[in-house]
Structures are given as structure tokens and as C-alpha cells.
Protein backbone atom coordinates (compact mmCIF):
# COMPACT_ATOMS: atom_id res chain seq x y z
CA VAL A 1 112.55 168.84 52.12
CA GLY A 2 111.64 165.95 54.48
CA PHE A 3 110.13 164.71 58.11
CA ASN A 4 110.31 161.12 59.55
CA SER A 5 109.57 159.12 62.84
CA ASP A 6 109.72 155.51 64.75
CA PHE A 7 107.66 154.12 67.29
CA ALA A 8 108.83 151.93 69.13
CA TYR A 9 106.67 149.80 72.24
CA THR A 10 107.85 146.72 74.07
CA VAL A 11 104.56 144.12 75.77
CA GLY A 12 105.51 140.94 77.01
CA SER A 13 107.39 138.73 74.34
CA HIS A 14 106.43 141.27 71.60
CA ALA A 15 108.38 143.98 70.34
CA PHE A 16 106.44 146.35 67.64
CA LYS A 17 107.87 149.11 66.00
CA ALA A 18 106.02 151.37 63.07
CA GLY A 19 108.01 154.77 61.35
CA ILE A 20 106.07 157.40 58.59
CA ASP A 21 108.78 158.70 56.25
CA LEU A 22 107.45 162.17 53.97
CA SER A 23 109.51 163.63 51.90
CA ARG A 24 108.71 166.55 48.76
CA LEU A 25 111.16 166.91 45.79
CA ARG A 26 111.64 170.26 43.47
CA LEU A 27 113.83 168.72 40.69
CA LEU A 28 115.58 171.50 38.36
CA GLU A 29 117.68 170.49 35.74
CA SER A 30 120.19 172.25 33.22
CA PHE A 31 122.32 170.78 30.83
CA THR A 32 124.59 171.59 27.67
CA TYR A 33 126.73 169.10 25.98
CA ASP A 34 128.61 170.28 22.61
CA SER A 35 131.62 167.54 21.15
CA ARG A 36 132.36 169.62 18.40
CA LYS A 37 135.85 171.41 17.67
CA PRO A 38 136.60 173.89 14.94
CA PRO A 39 136.59 173.65 12.11
CA LEU A 40 132.78 172.14 12.44
CA ASP A 41 132.49 169.44 10.43
CA PRO A 42 128.49 168.71 9.95
CA GLU A 43 129.12 164.92 10.44
CA GLU A 44 130.04 165.63 13.79
CA GLN A 45 127.20 165.04 16.61
CA LEU A 46 124.86 167.99 17.04
CA PRO A 47 124.45 169.68 20.33
CA PHE A 48 122.70 168.41 23.04
CA SER A 49 120.47 171.03 25.07
CA PHE A 50 118.44 169.62 27.83
CA GLN A 51 115.77 172.00 30.46
CA GLY A 52 113.75 170.18 32.68
CA GLY A 53 112.23 168.90 35.79
CA ALA A 54 109.21 167.62 38.15
CA MET A 55 107.86 167.88 41.12
CA GLY A 56 106.95 164.76 43.79
CA GLY A 57 107.67 163.17 47.00
CA GLN A 58 107.75 160.33 48.78
CA VAL A 59 104.76 158.65 51.43
CA SER A 60 106.30 155.25 53.26
CA LEU A 61 105.21 153.49 56.02
CA TYR A 62 106.34 150.27 58.49
CA GLY A 63 105.28 148.17 60.89
CA GLU A 64 106.87 145.22 62.63
CA ASP A 65 106.56 142.91 64.90
CA HIS A 66 109.08 140.84 67.15
CA PHE A 67 108.01 138.04 69.14
CA SER A 68 108.42 134.52 70.54
CA PRO A 69 105.39 132.59 70.35
CA VAL A 70 106.85 129.69 71.61
CA ARG A 71 110.55 128.71 73.48
CA ASN A 72 113.34 128.61 71.03
CA LEU A 73 111.10 130.05 68.29
CA VAL A 74 111.92 133.51 67.20
CA LEU A 75 109.29 135.74 64.04
CA ASP A 76 109.87 138.73 62.53
CA LEU A 77 106.31 139.90 60.77
CA GLY A 78 106.22 143.20 59.07
CA VAL A 79 104.66 145.31 55.95
CA ARG A 80 105.97 148.48 54.21
CA TYR A 81 103.75 150.79 52.04
CA ASP A 82 105.93 152.56 49.62
CA TYR A 83 104.15 155.70 47.13
CA PHE A 84 107.10 157.42 44.95
CA THR A 85 106.37 159.77 42.93
CA LEU A 86 108.62 161.99 40.69
CA ILE A 87 108.58 161.68 37.01
CA SER A 88 106.04 158.74 37.29
CA THR A 89 104.50 157.00 40.58
CA PHE A 90 104.97 153.76 41.70
CA VAL A 91 103.43 152.22 44.37
CA GLN A 92 103.96 148.49 46.29
CA VAL A 93 103.09 147.20 49.23
CA SER A 94 105.68 144.94 51.18
CA PRO A 95 105.96 142.24 53.14
CA ARG A 96 109.08 140.97 55.07
CA VAL A 97 108.77 137.06 57.48
CA GLY A 98 111.77 136.21 59.65
CA ILE A 99 112.13 132.54 61.69
CA ALA A 100 114.66 131.29 63.31
CA TYR A 101 114.50 128.41 65.55
CA GLN A 102 117.16 127.91 68.06
CA PHE A 103 118.38 123.92 69.36
CA PRO A 104 120.24 124.67 72.77
CA ARG A 105 121.21 121.38 73.43
CA ILE A 106 123.78 121.44 70.02
CA GLY A 107 123.89 125.17 70.26
CA SER A 108 122.64 125.68 66.41
CA THR A 109 119.95 128.14 65.31
CA LEU A 110 118.15 127.73 62.02
CA HIS A 111 116.67 131.00 60.53
CA PHE A 112 115.03 132.06 57.18
CA ALA A 113 113.98 135.39 55.63
CA TYR A 114 111.82 136.80 53.12
CA ASN A 115 111.94 140.06 52.17
CA ARG A 116 110.48 142.30 48.91
CA PHE A 117 112.32 145.87 49.27
CA PHE A 118 110.96 148.86 47.19
CA SER A 119 113.77 151.32 45.89
CA PRO A 120 113.06 154.41 43.94
CA HIS A 121 115.23 155.40 41.26
CA PRO A 122 118.16 157.89 41.38
CA ILE A 123 116.92 161.65 41.91
CA GLU A 124 120.43 163.31 39.95
CA TYR A 125 119.60 163.31 36.29
CA ALA A 126 116.04 161.67 36.19
CA ALA A 127 114.43 163.88 33.85
CA MET A 128 116.57 164.34 31.28
CA ALA A 129 117.32 159.88 31.98
CA SER A 130 113.77 159.34 31.21
CA TYR A 131 113.41 162.57 28.66
CA ILE A 132 116.64 160.56 27.09
CA GLY A 133 114.74 157.39 27.73
CA ARG A 134 111.76 158.36 25.81
CA THR A 135 113.36 160.51 22.65
CA ALA A 136 116.72 158.48 22.04
CA ALA A 137 117.53 158.50 18.06
CA ASP A 138 118.91 154.74 18.78
CA PRO A 139 115.50 152.66 19.12
CA ASP A 140 117.30 150.38 21.39
CA GLN A 141 117.65 152.96 23.91
CA ARG A 142 113.96 154.25 23.72
CA VAL A 143 113.34 152.53 27.22
CA GLY A 144 110.79 154.81 28.49
CA ASN A 145 110.51 156.99 32.09
CA LEU A 146 113.34 155.76 35.19
CA LYS A 147 111.34 153.08 37.31
CA ALA A 148 111.40 152.25 40.15
CA TYR A 149 113.84 148.89 41.41
CA VAL A 150 111.39 145.64 42.90
CA GLN A 151 113.34 142.66 44.55
CA ASN A 152 112.74 139.73 46.38
CA TYR A 153 115.52 138.52 49.11
CA PHE A 154 115.08 135.01 49.81
CA GLU A 155 117.53 133.93 52.47
CA ALA A 156 118.15 131.03 55.49
CA GLY A 157 121.72 129.64 57.21
CA LEU A 158 122.46 127.87 60.24
CA GLU A 159 124.69 129.42 62.74
CA GLN A 160 126.45 126.70 65.25
CA ARG A 161 128.50 127.18 68.33
CA LEU A 162 131.62 125.35 67.81
CA GLY A 163 132.99 126.50 71.43
CA PRO A 164 132.48 129.46 74.09
CA LYS A 165 134.78 131.57 71.58
CA VAL A 166 133.74 129.90 67.90
CA LEU A 167 130.77 130.21 66.01
CA LEU A 168 130.13 128.85 62.20
CA ASP A 169 127.61 130.98 60.23
CA VAL A 170 126.30 129.57 57.20
CA ASN A 171 123.72 131.62 54.74
CA LEU A 172 122.36 130.86 51.76
CA PHE A 173 121.05 134.00 49.61
CA HIS A 174 118.66 134.03 46.17
CA HIS A 175 117.92 137.58 45.55
CA ASN A 176 116.13 138.66 42.37
CA GLY A 177 114.52 142.05 40.82
CA CYS A 178 112.62 143.86 38.02
CA ASP A 179 114.48 146.63 36.95
CA PRO A 180 117.55 147.24 38.15
CA PHE A 181 120.04 150.29 37.48
CA GLU A 182 122.82 151.24 35.98
CA TYR A 183 124.45 154.11 34.37
CA ARG A 184 125.34 155.15 30.82
CA GLU A 185 127.62 158.38 29.51
CA VAL A 186 126.07 161.30 27.52
CA GLY A 187 128.90 161.44 24.80
CA GLU A 188 132.45 161.84 26.46
CA SER A 189 130.93 164.24 28.82
CA ARG A 190 131.95 162.36 31.91
CA LEU A 191 128.16 162.72 32.85
CA PHE A 192 126.49 159.75 33.40
CA LEU A 193 122.45 159.12 33.56
CA PRO A 194 120.50 156.45 35.94
CA ILE A 195 118.93 153.99 32.78
CA ASN A 196 117.47 150.22 34.16
CA SER A 197 117.98 147.07 33.22
CA ALA A 198 114.98 144.59 32.66
CA ARG A 199 116.34 142.13 35.74
CA GLY A 200 119.08 141.30 37.87
CA ARG A 201 119.73 137.84 39.86
CA SER A 202 122.30 137.17 42.43
CA LYS A 203 122.57 133.65 44.53
CA GLY A 204 125.38 132.16 46.40
CA ALA A 205 125.93 131.80 50.45
CA ASP A 206 128.45 133.26 52.81
CA VAL A 207 130.39 131.65 55.53
CA ALA A 208 132.14 132.91 58.82
CA LEU A 209 133.72 131.88 61.11
CA VAL A 210 133.60 134.64 63.96
CA LEU A 211 136.00 134.35 67.21
CA ASN A 212 134.88 135.77 70.07
CA GLN A 213 136.84 138.31 72.49
CA LEU A 214 139.34 136.74 73.75
CA GLU A 215 139.98 137.54 77.60
CA LYS A 216 143.69 138.01 78.28
């Protein structure tokens, strides 16, 4: 059950936006798995059964402003607050900054952005995945309860107009985060549970040549 609402207001060169997101979660899980086939072999994996659940929810608030303090310069400033609780509780304040400066004479725009992101863990099978993370027979699989994914995004680039209808866009990015999600199968059940890795990182470049719509 949830509710969300956004509010936008423009005055002068400022475009303000704010929003709220509320949700209430009720998680119930029941799962039984038995891989044994007659005749039973005592060395085979024993049946596994789990029943559990949790109550929780999420509260998220954000505010942002898009404005131009001086000619040819545009700023985006924002902040977001997230509170998420289900199996465990996570709280994060996330700043966001974007800067773009245009050079009209040469048709160039330089831009930079930093975003801090908060991603709650998947809801499906969260109770069983956390239970296995606490009680797994293999100590290497005892990673604890599911965790939220926290990421830092850095991006910088150049947009260059090559002609009336041709645009070159080059974007460099570096993303890193803690506790990204992956999935692991329970036995041979074809049931995949979410699990956290220690960290994730990616970096690279995007290059795009954009052709605007050509008349006739």
C-alpha cells in the first residue's frame, strides 16, 4: 500500500520540484524444497522448509531546483531523504548536483553531475534470503540480512554541435557502490534469492552522433 505526490513551482529562472513517497509493506513467505527421490539416500540433501515474514515500509522525501545564476550557466541542486525498513532499517541522505555551461559561439556545452543513489533491496524472498544469510551451513554464505544498495555516480561530458542537424555527445562516467544485488539459486529449485556482493564499480565512455529529423 502506498502514496506518492509531487509538487512543481516556477518563478523567474528557478524551477522548483519536491515530492514525497510513502509505502507500507507486509511480507509473507512459505517455501518447502525436497530434492530426494526414492529410494532415499541418507547422504542426500535434507528437505528445507521456511515460513516467515516481516512488516515494514519506506518514507522518501526530495527537493530540487533547476536554475541559471548567470548567462549560459545552468545548475541543478537537490537532496533526497530515504528511510526504509523491512528486515533491517536503512537511512540515507543523498545530495545531487548538476552543472552545465554553454559556449554559444562554438556550439559547445560542458556538463558535470554527481548523484548519490539509495536502492532498497528486492522485496521478493527477502525474508528467506536474510534467514539463509544468517544461518547457512557454509560459513562463507553467512552474509547477514539483505542490505540496501548505495551508489555514487560521477559523470562529465561534452555536447558539440557539428552542424544545423548534427550533434556529437561524449559522456564519461564512473559509478561505484556498496552491497550491489545478485541472485543465487536454492539447490536445484529454480528459485533465485537476492544476495549482496561486497561492492560494484563501472567506468567508461558513451559517444553518440545525433542526427536531427531531416525535412523532405
